[in-house]
Amino acid sequence: MQHYLAETDILNWTHPDVLQLARQLAGDERDAAIIAKRCFEWVRDEIQHSYDYRMNPLTCAASDVLKHRTGFCYAKSHLLAVLLRANGIPAGLCYQRLRLDDEGSPFCLHGLVAAHLPEIGWYRIDPRGNKPGVNAQFTPPREQLAFAVRFDGEALFQEIWPEPLPIIVRFLQQSIPVEQAWEQLPDIDILPSHPV
């Protein structure tokens, strides 16, 4: 479980601004589920999704997501993971493989977070940001993600990674505008062990 509490260059939870926000969100609360919900809702609602709001720059490290108040789903997940870790809640990164739309568009990865909550275990949450047709909530033990797997080739990967996938980091560390990044969203193939 220590891997899911560790700090990395991307998941830099000891950054002073991140720690300050994590402490502010926790307050005097001791219940991990309540703290996790506060962290989730803050990231979901206060960090603007880069493409929805056409906001630059691309952000990757959690502290940069907080500084610029914007990020793709992957970057928003990085910030949520570190807020949880800063509060002693083990957190990892998860991914879905989805189509960009219902019209047979290319596949791309979608970033999520899994928090390890007492009496529940691993619980996936999606800080992407709500909008018409997207309604991610914190309702343990039932998961309510932004997107459901609906098409052949889509998948909800079961792995919980302690660090972002390298393909995600490479994507987010490009110096390109958000609109150009949207055309290059990362994707990986589904392994045989993953149900469609």
N, C-alpha and C. Protein backbone atom coordinates (compact mmCIF):
# COMPACT_ATOMS: atom_id res chain seq x y z
N MET A 1 0.83 -1.21 0.00
CA MET A 1 0.00 0.00 0.00
C MET A 1 0.86 1.27 0.00
N GLN A 2 2.12 1.14 0.41
CA GLN A 2 3.00 2.32 0.46
C GLN A 2 3.19 2.95 -0.91
N HIS A 3 3.14 2.14 -1.98
CA HIS A 3 3.27 2.69 -3.34
C HIS A 3 2.15 3.69 -3.63
N TYR A 4 1.02 3.51 -3.01
CA TYR A 4 -0.14 4.35 -3.26
C TYR A 4 -0.20 5.56 -2.33
N LEU A 5 0.85 5.74 -1.55
CA LEU A 5 1.00 6.93 -0.70
C LEU A 5 2.27 7.70 -1.06
N ALA A 6 3.06 7.17 -1.97
CA ALA A 6 4.38 7.74 -2.28
C ALA A 6 4.25 9.04 -3.06
N GLU A 7 5.33 9.80 -3.00
CA GLU A 7 5.44 11.02 -3.80
C GLU A 7 6.34 10.75 -5.00
N THR A 8 5.98 11.33 -6.14
CA THR A 8 6.80 11.26 -7.35
C THR A 8 6.90 12.66 -7.94
N ASP A 9 7.64 12.79 -9.03
CA ASP A 9 7.74 14.10 -9.69
C ASP A 9 6.37 14.59 -10.16
N ILE A 10 5.54 13.68 -10.61
CA ILE A 10 4.21 14.05 -11.10
C ILE A 10 3.21 14.11 -9.95
N LEU A 11 3.25 13.14 -9.07
CA LEU A 11 2.34 13.09 -7.92
C LEU A 11 3.06 13.70 -6.71
N ASN A 12 3.27 15.00 -6.79
CA ASN A 12 4.13 15.71 -5.84
C ASN A 12 3.31 16.29 -4.68
N TRP A 13 2.86 15.38 -3.82
CA TRP A 13 1.92 15.78 -2.77
C TRP A 13 2.54 16.59 -1.64
N THR A 14 3.87 16.65 -1.52
CA THR A 14 4.46 17.49 -0.47
C THR A 14 4.69 18.93 -0.93
N HIS A 15 4.30 19.25 -2.15
CA HIS A 15 4.39 20.65 -2.60
C HIS A 15 3.56 21.51 -1.64
N PRO A 16 4.09 22.66 -1.19
CA PRO A 16 3.40 23.45 -0.16
C PRO A 16 1.96 23.82 -0.51
N ASP A 17 1.70 24.19 -1.76
CA ASP A 17 0.33 24.57 -2.14
C ASP A 17 -0.61 23.38 -2.11
N VAL A 18 -0.11 22.23 -2.51
CA VAL A 18 -0.93 21.01 -2.48
C VAL A 18 -1.23 20.64 -1.03
N LEU A 19 -0.22 20.66 -0.19
CA LEU A 19 -0.42 20.32 1.23
C LEU A 19 -1.41 21.27 1.90
N GLN A 20 -1.29 22.55 1.59
CA GLN A 20 -2.19 23.53 2.18
C GLN A 20 -3.64 23.24 1.80
N LEU A 21 -3.87 22.97 0.51
CA LEU A 21 -5.22 22.65 0.07
C LEU A 21 -5.71 21.35 0.69
N ALA A 22 -4.86 20.33 0.75
CA ALA A 22 -5.25 19.05 1.33
C ALA A 22 -5.68 19.23 2.79
N ARG A 23 -4.93 20.01 3.53
CA ARG A 23 -5.27 20.25 4.95
C ARG A 23 -6.57 21.05 5.07
N GLN A 24 -6.73 22.03 4.17
CA GLN A 24 -7.94 22.85 4.19
C GLN A 24 -9.17 21.99 3.91
N LEU A 25 -9.08 21.10 2.93
CA LEU A 25 -10.22 20.26 2.58
C LEU A 25 -10.55 19.26 3.69
N ALA A 26 -9.54 18.76 4.36
CA ALA A 26 -9.78 17.80 5.45
C ALA A 26 -10.33 18.48 6.69
N GLY A 27 -9.81 19.67 6.99
CA GLY A 27 -10.22 20.35 8.21
C GLY A 27 -9.98 19.48 9.42
N ASP A 28 -10.97 19.39 10.30
CA ASP A 28 -10.87 18.54 11.49
C ASP A 28 -11.47 17.15 11.27
N GLU A 29 -11.89 16.87 10.05
CA GLU A 29 -12.54 15.60 9.74
C GLU A 29 -11.55 14.45 9.83
N ARG A 30 -11.99 13.32 10.34
CA ARG A 30 -11.14 12.12 10.44
C ARG A 30 -11.65 10.99 9.55
N ASP A 31 -12.89 11.07 9.11
CA ASP A 31 -13.49 10.02 8.29
C ASP A 31 -12.92 10.09 6.88
N ALA A 32 -12.23 9.02 6.46
CA ALA A 32 -11.55 9.01 5.16
C ALA A 32 -12.53 9.21 4.00
N ALA A 33 -13.72 8.63 4.10
CA ALA A 33 -14.68 8.76 3.00
C ALA A 33 -15.16 10.21 2.86
N ILE A 34 -15.35 10.89 3.96
CA ILE A 34 -15.79 12.29 3.90
C ILE A 34 -14.67 13.16 3.31
N ILE A 35 -13.44 12.92 3.76
CA ILE A 35 -12.30 13.67 3.21
C ILE A 35 -12.15 13.39 1.72
N ALA A 36 -12.27 12.13 1.33
CA ALA A 36 -12.15 11.77 -0.09
C ALA A 36 -13.22 12.46 -0.91
N LYS A 37 -14.43 12.51 -0.41
CA LYS A 37 -15.52 13.18 -1.13
C LYS A 37 -15.23 14.67 -1.29
N ARG A 38 -14.74 15.30 -0.24
CA ARG A 38 -14.41 16.73 -0.34
C ARG A 38 -13.33 16.98 -1.38
N CYS A 39 -12.30 16.14 -1.37
CA CYS A 39 -11.21 16.29 -2.34
C CYS A 39 -11.72 16.06 -3.76
N PHE A 40 -12.50 15.01 -3.95
CA PHE A 40 -13.07 14.70 -5.26
C PHE A 40 -13.91 15.87 -5.79
N GLU A 41 -14.84 16.34 -4.98
CA GLU A 41 -15.73 17.40 -5.44
C GLU A 41 -14.98 18.68 -5.73
N TRP A 42 -13.94 18.97 -4.95
CA TRP A 42 -13.17 20.19 -5.19
C TRP A 42 -12.46 20.10 -6.55
N VAL A 43 -11.79 19.00 -6.81
CA VAL A 43 -11.09 18.86 -8.09
C VAL A 43 -12.09 18.82 -9.24
N ARG A 44 -13.14 18.05 -9.09
CA ARG A 44 -14.15 17.96 -10.15
C ARG A 44 -14.71 19.33 -10.52
N ASP A 45 -15.00 20.15 -9.49
CA ASP A 45 -15.73 21.40 -9.71
C ASP A 45 -14.85 22.64 -9.84
N GLU A 46 -13.65 22.62 -9.28
CA GLU A 46 -12.83 23.84 -9.25
C GLU A 46 -11.70 23.84 -10.28
N ILE A 47 -11.32 22.69 -10.77
CA ILE A 47 -10.29 22.62 -11.81
C ILE A 47 -10.99 22.44 -13.15
N GLN A 48 -10.77 23.37 -14.05
CA GLN A 48 -11.46 23.36 -15.34
C GLN A 48 -10.86 22.31 -16.27
N HIS A 49 -11.72 21.54 -16.94
CA HIS A 49 -11.24 20.58 -17.93
C HIS A 49 -10.67 21.35 -19.12
N SER A 50 -9.43 21.06 -19.47
CA SER A 50 -8.71 21.83 -20.48
C SER A 50 -9.48 22.00 -21.78
N TYR A 51 -10.07 20.91 -22.26
CA TYR A 51 -10.73 21.00 -23.57
C TYR A 51 -12.10 21.66 -23.46
N ASP A 52 -12.85 21.36 -22.41
CA ASP A 52 -14.17 21.98 -22.24
C ASP A 52 -14.06 23.50 -22.22
N TYR A 53 -13.01 24.01 -21.57
CA TYR A 53 -12.86 25.46 -21.40
C TYR A 53 -11.79 26.05 -22.31
N ARG A 54 -11.18 25.21 -23.17
CA ARG A 54 -10.11 25.64 -24.10
C ARG A 54 -9.04 26.42 -23.34
N MET A 55 -8.55 25.79 -22.26
CA MET A 55 -7.57 26.44 -21.38
C MET A 55 -6.20 25.82 -21.56
N ASN A 56 -5.22 26.66 -21.77
CA ASN A 56 -3.81 26.26 -21.80
C ASN A 56 -3.17 26.75 -20.51
N PRO A 57 -2.03 26.20 -20.13
CA PRO A 57 -1.22 25.21 -20.81
C PRO A 57 -1.67 23.79 -20.48
N LEU A 58 -1.09 22.81 -21.20
CA LEU A 58 -1.24 21.43 -20.77
C LEU A 58 -0.55 21.30 -19.42
N THR A 59 -1.19 20.66 -18.48
CA THR A 59 -0.59 20.46 -17.15
C THR A 59 -0.43 18.96 -16.91
N CYS A 60 0.55 18.62 -16.08
CA CYS A 60 0.81 17.21 -15.78
C CYS A 60 1.03 17.01 -14.29
N ALA A 61 2.08 17.65 -13.73
CA ALA A 61 2.36 17.51 -12.30
C ALA A 61 1.20 18.10 -11.50
N ALA A 62 0.87 17.45 -10.41
CA ALA A 62 -0.27 17.87 -9.61
C ALA A 62 -0.17 19.34 -9.20
N SER A 63 1.01 19.79 -8.81
CA SER A 63 1.16 21.18 -8.38
C SER A 63 0.89 22.15 -9.52
N ASP A 64 1.21 21.77 -10.76
CA ASP A 64 0.92 22.63 -11.91
C ASP A 64 -0.57 22.66 -12.23
N VAL A 65 -1.24 21.54 -12.04
CA VAL A 65 -2.69 21.51 -12.23
C VAL A 65 -3.34 22.49 -11.26
N LEU A 66 -2.90 22.47 -10.01
CA LEU A 66 -3.43 23.39 -9.01
C LEU A 66 -3.08 24.84 -9.35
N LYS A 67 -1.86 25.09 -9.75
CA LYS A 67 -1.41 26.46 -10.07
C LYS A 67 -2.21 27.07 -11.21
N HIS A 68 -2.42 26.30 -12.28
CA HIS A 68 -3.10 26.84 -13.46
C HIS A 68 -4.60 26.61 -13.46
N ARG A 69 -5.08 25.79 -12.50
CA ARG A 69 -6.51 25.50 -12.33
C ARG A 69 -7.14 24.89 -13.59
N THR A 70 -6.35 24.10 -14.32
CA THR A 70 -6.86 23.43 -15.50
C THR A 70 -6.10 22.14 -15.74
N GLY A 71 -6.75 21.22 -16.45
CA GLY A 71 -6.09 19.97 -16.81
C GLY A 71 -7.04 19.05 -17.55
N PHE A 72 -6.48 18.18 -18.39
CA PHE A 72 -7.26 17.09 -18.96
C PHE A 72 -7.62 16.13 -17.83
N CYS A 73 -8.46 15.16 -18.10
CA CYS A 73 -8.89 14.20 -17.08
C CYS A 73 -7.70 13.56 -16.37
N TYR A 74 -6.64 13.28 -17.13
CA TYR A 74 -5.45 12.64 -16.54
C TYR A 74 -4.82 13.56 -15.49
N ALA A 75 -4.65 14.82 -15.84
CA ALA A 75 -4.02 15.77 -14.94
C ALA A 75 -4.90 16.04 -13.72
N LYS A 76 -6.21 16.15 -13.93
CA LYS A 76 -7.11 16.33 -12.80
C LYS A 76 -7.02 15.12 -11.86
N SER A 77 -6.85 13.93 -12.44
CA SER A 77 -6.68 12.72 -11.62
C SER A 77 -5.39 12.78 -10.81
N HIS A 78 -4.33 13.34 -11.40
CA HIS A 78 -3.07 13.49 -10.67
C HIS A 78 -3.29 14.35 -9.43
N LEU A 79 -4.00 15.47 -9.59
CA LEU A 79 -4.23 16.34 -8.44
C LEU A 79 -5.10 15.66 -7.39
N LEU A 80 -6.15 15.00 -7.82
CA LEU A 80 -7.00 14.31 -6.84
C LEU A 80 -6.21 13.24 -6.09
N ALA A 81 -5.39 12.48 -6.81
CA ALA A 81 -4.60 11.43 -6.15
C ALA A 81 -3.69 12.01 -5.08
N VAL A 82 -3.07 13.15 -5.37
CA VAL A 82 -2.14 13.71 -4.37
C VAL A 82 -2.87 14.33 -3.19
N LEU A 83 -4.04 14.89 -3.42
CA LEU A 83 -4.81 15.41 -2.28
C LEU A 83 -5.21 14.28 -1.34
N LEU A 84 -5.57 13.14 -1.92
CA LEU A 84 -5.89 11.98 -1.10
C LEU A 84 -4.65 11.48 -0.37
N ARG A 85 -3.54 11.33 -1.08
CA ARG A 85 -2.31 10.84 -0.46
C ARG A 85 -1.84 11.78 0.65
N ALA A 86 -1.96 13.08 0.43
CA ALA A 86 -1.54 14.04 1.44
C ALA A 86 -2.37 13.90 2.71
N ASN A 87 -3.57 13.35 2.58
CA ASN A 87 -4.43 13.11 3.74
C ASN A 87 -4.36 11.67 4.24
N GLY A 88 -3.34 10.93 3.78
CA GLY A 88 -3.12 9.57 4.27
C GLY A 88 -4.05 8.53 3.66
N ILE A 89 -4.74 8.87 2.57
CA ILE A 89 -5.65 7.94 1.91
C ILE A 89 -4.92 7.36 0.69
N PRO A 90 -4.66 6.05 0.67
CA PRO A 90 -3.99 5.47 -0.51
C PRO A 90 -4.80 5.74 -1.77
N ALA A 91 -4.10 6.15 -2.83
CA ALA A 91 -4.78 6.49 -4.08
C ALA A 91 -3.91 6.06 -5.25
N GLY A 92 -4.57 5.54 -6.28
CA GLY A 92 -3.89 5.14 -7.50
C GLY A 92 -4.64 5.66 -8.71
N LEU A 93 -4.05 5.44 -9.87
CA LEU A 93 -4.62 5.92 -11.12
C LEU A 93 -5.20 4.76 -11.91
N CYS A 94 -6.34 4.99 -12.53
CA CYS A 94 -7.04 3.99 -13.34
C CYS A 94 -7.38 4.63 -14.68
N TYR A 95 -7.71 3.77 -15.63
CA TYR A 95 -8.01 4.28 -16.96
C TYR A 95 -9.16 3.50 -17.59
N GLN A 96 -9.90 4.20 -18.41
CA GLN A 96 -10.87 3.60 -19.31
C GLN A 96 -10.37 3.81 -20.73
N ARG A 97 -10.79 2.93 -21.62
CA ARG A 97 -10.56 3.12 -23.05
C ARG A 97 -11.93 3.39 -23.66
N LEU A 98 -12.10 4.57 -24.25
CA LEU A 98 -13.40 5.01 -24.74
C LEU A 98 -13.29 5.58 -26.15
N ARG A 99 -14.42 5.63 -26.83
CA ARG A 99 -14.51 6.38 -28.08
C ARG A 99 -14.75 7.85 -27.72
N LEU A 100 -14.27 8.74 -28.57
CA LEU A 100 -14.47 10.17 -28.32
C LEU A 100 -15.93 10.59 -28.50
N ASP A 101 -16.67 9.84 -29.33
CA ASP A 101 -18.08 10.16 -29.54
C ASP A 101 -18.81 8.90 -29.98
N ASP A 102 -20.08 9.04 -30.31
CA ASP A 102 -20.90 7.90 -30.70
C ASP A 102 -20.81 7.59 -32.20
N GLU A 103 -19.98 8.31 -32.92
CA GLU A 103 -19.94 8.22 -34.37
C GLU A 103 -18.80 7.36 -34.91
N GLY A 104 -18.21 6.51 -34.10
CA GLY A 104 -17.12 5.66 -34.57
C GLY A 104 -15.78 6.36 -34.59
N SER A 105 -15.63 7.34 -33.73
CA SER A 105 -14.37 8.09 -33.65
C SER A 105 -13.25 7.20 -33.10
N PRO A 106 -12.02 7.70 -33.12
CA PRO A 106 -10.92 6.91 -32.55
C PRO A 106 -11.11 6.68 -31.05
N PHE A 107 -10.37 5.72 -30.53
CA PHE A 107 -10.35 5.45 -29.10
C PHE A 107 -9.33 6.35 -28.42
N CYS A 108 -9.55 6.57 -27.13
CA CYS A 108 -8.56 7.28 -26.32
C CYS A 108 -8.69 6.78 -24.88
N LEU A 109 -7.67 7.06 -24.09
CA LEU A 109 -7.73 6.75 -22.67
C LEU A 109 -8.44 7.86 -21.92
N HIS A 110 -9.09 7.49 -20.84
CA HIS A 110 -9.74 8.44 -19.94
C HIS A 110 -9.22 8.15 -18.54
N GLY A 111 -8.81 9.20 -17.82
CA GLY A 111 -8.18 9.03 -16.52
C GLY A 111 -9.14 9.09 -15.35
N LEU A 112 -8.92 8.19 -14.39
CA LEU A 112 -9.72 8.09 -13.17
C LEU A 112 -8.78 7.95 -11.97
N VAL A 113 -9.35 7.96 -10.78
CA VAL A 113 -8.61 7.72 -9.55
C VAL A 113 -9.31 6.59 -8.79
N ALA A 114 -8.52 5.77 -8.11
CA ALA A 114 -9.08 4.79 -7.17
C ALA A 114 -8.56 5.17 -5.78
N ALA A 115 -9.47 5.32 -4.84
CA ALA A 115 -9.13 5.60 -3.45
C ALA A 115 -9.40 4.35 -2.63
N HIS A 116 -8.49 4.05 -1.70
CA HIS A 116 -8.71 2.89 -0.83
C HIS A 116 -9.38 3.38 0.45
N LEU A 117 -10.67 3.07 0.56
CA LEU A 117 -11.47 3.56 1.68
C LEU A 117 -11.72 2.44 2.69
N PRO A 118 -11.65 2.75 3.98
CA PRO A 118 -11.92 1.74 5.00
C PRO A 118 -13.30 1.13 4.80
N GLU A 119 -13.41 -0.18 4.99
CA GLU A 119 -14.65 -0.94 4.92
C GLU A 119 -15.22 -1.04 3.50
N ILE A 120 -14.57 -0.40 2.53
CA ILE A 120 -15.04 -0.48 1.14
C ILE A 120 -13.96 -1.08 0.26
N GLY A 121 -12.71 -0.70 0.50
CA GLY A 121 -11.61 -1.10 -0.36
C GLY A 121 -11.43 -0.10 -1.48
N TRP A 122 -10.94 -0.57 -2.62
CA TRP A 122 -10.69 0.33 -3.75
C TRP A 122 -12.01 0.82 -4.34
N TYR A 123 -12.08 2.13 -4.53
CA TYR A 123 -13.29 2.76 -5.04
C TYR A 123 -12.90 3.78 -6.09
N ARG A 124 -13.38 3.58 -7.33
CA ARG A 124 -13.01 4.47 -8.44
C ARG A 124 -13.88 5.71 -8.45
N ILE A 125 -13.22 6.85 -8.69
CA ILE A 125 -13.90 8.14 -8.79
C ILE A 125 -13.34 8.90 -10.00
N ASP A 126 -14.17 9.74 -10.58
CA ASP A 126 -13.86 10.40 -11.85
C ASP A 126 -13.96 11.91 -11.71
N PRO A 127 -12.82 12.59 -11.55
CA PRO A 127 -12.85 14.04 -11.33
C PRO A 127 -12.91 14.87 -12.61
N ARG A 128 -13.27 14.28 -13.74
CA ARG A 128 -13.22 14.93 -15.04
C ARG A 128 -13.88 16.30 -15.05
N GLY A 129 -15.04 16.41 -14.41
CA GLY A 129 -15.82 17.64 -14.44
C GLY A 129 -17.15 17.38 -15.11
N ASN A 130 -18.23 17.75 -14.44
CA ASN A 130 -19.57 17.49 -14.96
C ASN A 130 -19.98 18.58 -15.96
N LYS A 131 -20.88 18.18 -16.84
CA LYS A 131 -21.49 19.07 -17.83
C LYS A 131 -22.73 18.32 -18.33
N PRO A 132 -23.54 18.92 -19.18
CA PRO A 132 -24.70 18.17 -19.67
C PRO A 132 -24.28 16.82 -20.25
N GLY A 133 -24.91 15.75 -19.76
CA GLY A 133 -24.60 14.41 -20.21
C GLY A 133 -23.46 13.73 -19.46
N VAL A 134 -22.81 14.45 -18.56
CA VAL A 134 -21.70 13.91 -17.76
C VAL A 134 -22.01 14.19 -16.29
N ASN A 135 -22.13 13.13 -15.49
CA ASN A 135 -22.53 13.31 -14.09
C ASN A 135 -21.77 12.33 -13.20
N ALA A 136 -20.53 12.64 -12.90
CA ALA A 136 -19.72 11.81 -12.00
C ALA A 136 -20.00 12.23 -10.56
N GLN A 137 -20.19 11.23 -9.69
CA GLN A 137 -20.51 11.50 -8.29
C GLN A 137 -19.71 10.59 -7.38
N PHE A 138 -19.70 10.92 -6.10
CA PHE A 138 -19.06 10.12 -5.06
C PHE A 138 -20.18 9.46 -4.27
N THR A 139 -20.45 8.18 -4.56
CA THR A 139 -21.59 7.49 -3.96
C THR A 139 -21.20 6.08 -3.53
N PRO A 140 -20.16 5.93 -2.68
CA PRO A 140 -19.72 4.58 -2.31
C PRO A 140 -20.82 3.81 -1.58
N PRO A 141 -20.87 2.50 -1.80
CA PRO A 141 -19.90 1.70 -2.55
C PRO A 141 -20.16 1.66 -4.06
N ARG A 142 -21.26 2.29 -4.54
CA ARG A 142 -21.57 2.30 -5.97
C ARG A 142 -20.71 3.34 -6.68
N GLU A 143 -20.07 2.92 -7.76
CA GLU A 143 -19.26 3.85 -8.55
C GLU A 143 -20.14 4.55 -9.58
N GLN A 144 -19.98 5.87 -9.67
CA GLN A 144 -20.71 6.65 -10.67
C GLN A 144 -19.70 7.49 -11.44
N LEU A 145 -19.16 6.87 -12.50
CA LEU A 145 -18.15 7.50 -13.33
C LEU A 145 -18.80 8.39 -14.39
N ALA A 146 -17.99 9.22 -15.02
CA ALA A 146 -18.50 10.13 -16.04
C ALA A 146 -19.00 9.38 -17.27
N PHE A 147 -18.33 8.28 -17.62
CA PHE A 147 -18.66 7.57 -18.85
C PHE A 147 -18.79 6.08 -18.60
N ALA A 148 -19.75 5.46 -19.25
CA ALA A 148 -19.92 4.01 -19.21
C ALA A 148 -19.26 3.39 -20.43
N VAL A 149 -18.81 2.16 -20.28
CA VAL A 149 -18.30 1.39 -21.42
C VAL A 149 -19.50 0.91 -22.22
N ARG A 150 -19.58 1.31 -23.50
CA ARG A 150 -20.76 1.00 -24.30
C ARG A 150 -20.46 0.34 -25.64
N PHE A 151 -19.27 0.51 -26.17
CA PHE A 151 -18.98 0.06 -27.52
C PHE A 151 -17.91 -1.02 -27.54
N ASP A 152 -17.93 -1.85 -28.57
CA ASP A 152 -16.84 -2.80 -28.78
C ASP A 152 -15.53 -2.04 -28.83
N GLY A 153 -14.53 -2.57 -28.14
CA GLY A 153 -13.23 -1.92 -28.11
C GLY A 153 -13.03 -1.01 -26.92
N GLU A 154 -14.11 -0.68 -26.23
CA GLU A 154 -13.99 0.12 -25.01
C GLU A 154 -13.74 -0.81 -23.82
N ALA A 155 -13.18 -0.27 -22.75
CA ALA A 155 -12.90 -1.09 -21.57
C ALA A 155 -12.69 -0.21 -20.35
N LEU A 156 -13.00 -0.77 -19.20
CA LEU A 156 -12.62 -0.19 -17.92
C LEU A 156 -11.50 -1.08 -17.40
N PHE A 157 -10.27 -0.59 -17.47
CA PHE A 157 -9.13 -1.38 -17.02
C PHE A 157 -9.21 -1.58 -15.51
N GLN A 158 -8.93 -2.79 -15.07
CA GLN A 158 -9.04 -3.12 -13.65
C GLN A 158 -7.79 -2.75 -12.85
N GLU A 159 -6.68 -2.53 -13.53
CA GLU A 159 -5.43 -2.19 -12.83
C GLU A 159 -5.53 -0.85 -12.12
N ILE A 160 -4.84 -0.77 -11.00
CA ILE A 160 -4.70 0.48 -10.26
C ILE A 160 -3.21 0.77 -10.20
N TRP A 161 -2.78 1.78 -10.94
CA TRP A 161 -1.36 2.09 -11.04
C TRP A 161 -0.95 3.11 -9.97
N PRO A 162 0.20 2.91 -9.34
CA PRO A 162 0.65 3.88 -8.35
C PRO A 162 1.20 5.16 -8.97
N GLU A 163 1.52 5.11 -10.27
CA GLU A 163 2.03 6.27 -11.00
C GLU A 163 1.33 6.36 -12.35
N PRO A 164 1.32 7.54 -12.97
CA PRO A 164 0.70 7.65 -14.30
C PRO A 164 1.41 6.77 -15.32
N LEU A 165 0.66 6.29 -16.29
CA LEU A 165 1.28 5.55 -17.39
C LEU A 165 2.24 6.46 -18.16
N PRO A 166 3.37 5.94 -18.60
CA PRO A 166 4.33 6.77 -19.35
C PRO A 166 3.72 7.45 -20.57
N ILE A 167 2.79 6.79 -21.26
CA ILE A 167 2.17 7.40 -22.44
C ILE A 167 1.37 8.65 -22.05
N ILE A 168 0.81 8.65 -20.86
CA ILE A 168 0.06 9.82 -20.37
C ILE A 168 1.01 10.96 -20.05
N VAL A 169 2.11 10.64 -19.38
CA VAL A 169 3.09 11.68 -19.02
C VAL A 169 3.66 12.31 -20.29
N ARG A 170 4.04 11.49 -21.27
CA ARG A 170 4.58 12.03 -22.53
C ARG A 170 3.56 12.95 -23.20
N PHE A 171 2.31 12.53 -23.20
CA PHE A 171 1.27 13.34 -23.82
C PHE A 171 1.13 14.69 -23.11
N LEU A 172 1.09 14.68 -21.79
CA LEU A 172 0.85 15.91 -21.04
C LEU A 172 2.06 16.83 -20.99
N GLN A 173 3.23 16.33 -21.28
CA GLN A 173 4.43 17.17 -21.21
C GLN A 173 4.78 17.82 -22.56
N GLN A 174 3.89 17.68 -23.53
CA GLN A 174 4.09 18.37 -24.81
C GLN A 174 3.79 19.86 -24.64
N SER A 175 4.47 20.68 -25.39
CA SER A 175 4.19 22.11 -25.39
C SER A 175 3.36 22.44 -26.63
N ILE A 176 2.09 22.03 -26.58
CA ILE A 176 1.19 22.28 -27.69
C ILE A 176 -0.12 22.83 -27.14
N PRO A 177 -0.89 23.54 -27.98
CA PRO A 177 -2.19 24.04 -27.52
C PRO A 177 -3.17 22.90 -27.25
N VAL A 178 -4.13 23.18 -26.40
CA VAL A 178 -5.13 22.19 -26.00
C VAL A 178 -5.86 21.62 -27.21
N GLU A 179 -6.22 22.47 -28.17
CA GLU A 179 -6.96 22.00 -29.34
C GLU A 179 -6.15 20.98 -30.14
N GLN A 180 -4.86 21.20 -30.24
CA GLN A 180 -3.99 20.24 -30.94
C GLN A 180 -3.85 18.96 -30.11
N ALA A 181 -3.75 19.10 -28.81
CA ALA A 181 -3.64 17.93 -27.94
C ALA A 181 -4.87 17.04 -28.06
N TRP A 182 -6.05 17.65 -28.20
CA TRP A 182 -7.29 16.89 -28.31
C TRP A 182 -7.26 15.94 -29.50
N GLU A 183 -6.53 16.31 -30.53
CA GLU A 183 -6.42 15.46 -31.72
C GLU A 183 -5.41 14.33 -31.53
N GLN A 184 -4.68 14.34 -30.42
CA GLN A 184 -3.62 13.35 -30.19
C GLN A 184 -3.80 12.60 -28.88
N LEU A 185 -5.00 12.49 -28.38
CA LEU A 185 -5.22 11.84 -27.08
C LEU A 185 -4.64 10.43 -27.09
N PRO A 186 -3.98 10.03 -26.01
CA PRO A 186 -3.31 8.72 -25.97
C PRO A 186 -4.29 7.56 -25.92
N ASP A 187 -3.82 6.41 -26.41
CA ASP A 187 -4.62 5.19 -26.44
C ASP A 187 -3.68 4.02 -26.23
N ILE A 188 -4.19 2.93 -25.67
CA ILE A 188 -3.46 1.66 -25.60
C ILE A 188 -4.42 0.54 -26.01
N ASP A 189 -3.85 -0.55 -26.47
CA ASP A 189 -4.67 -1.69 -26.86
C ASP A 189 -5.22 -2.40 -25.62
N ILE A 190 -6.34 -3.06 -25.80
CA ILE A 190 -6.92 -3.87 -24.73
C ILE A 190 -6.19 -5.20 -24.70
N LEU A 191 -5.74 -5.58 -23.54
CA LEU A 191 -5.09 -6.87 -23.37
C LEU A 191 -6.15 -7.96 -23.32
N PRO A 192 -5.81 -9.21 -23.66
CA PRO A 192 -6.80 -10.29 -23.67
C PRO A 192 -7.51 -10.49 -22.35
N SER A 193 -6.90 -10.11 -21.23
CA SER A 193 -7.51 -10.32 -19.93
C SER A 193 -8.61 -9.29 -19.62
N HIS A 194 -8.74 -8.28 -20.47
CA HIS A 194 -9.73 -7.23 -20.20
C HIS A 194 -11.01 -7.49 -20.97
N PRO A 195 -12.11 -7.63 -20.25
CA PRO A 195 -13.39 -7.79 -20.95
C PRO A 195 -13.79 -6.52 -21.66
N VAL A 196 -14.44 -6.65 -22.77
CA VAL A 196 -14.90 -5.48 -23.52
C VAL A 196 -16.21 -5.01 -22.93
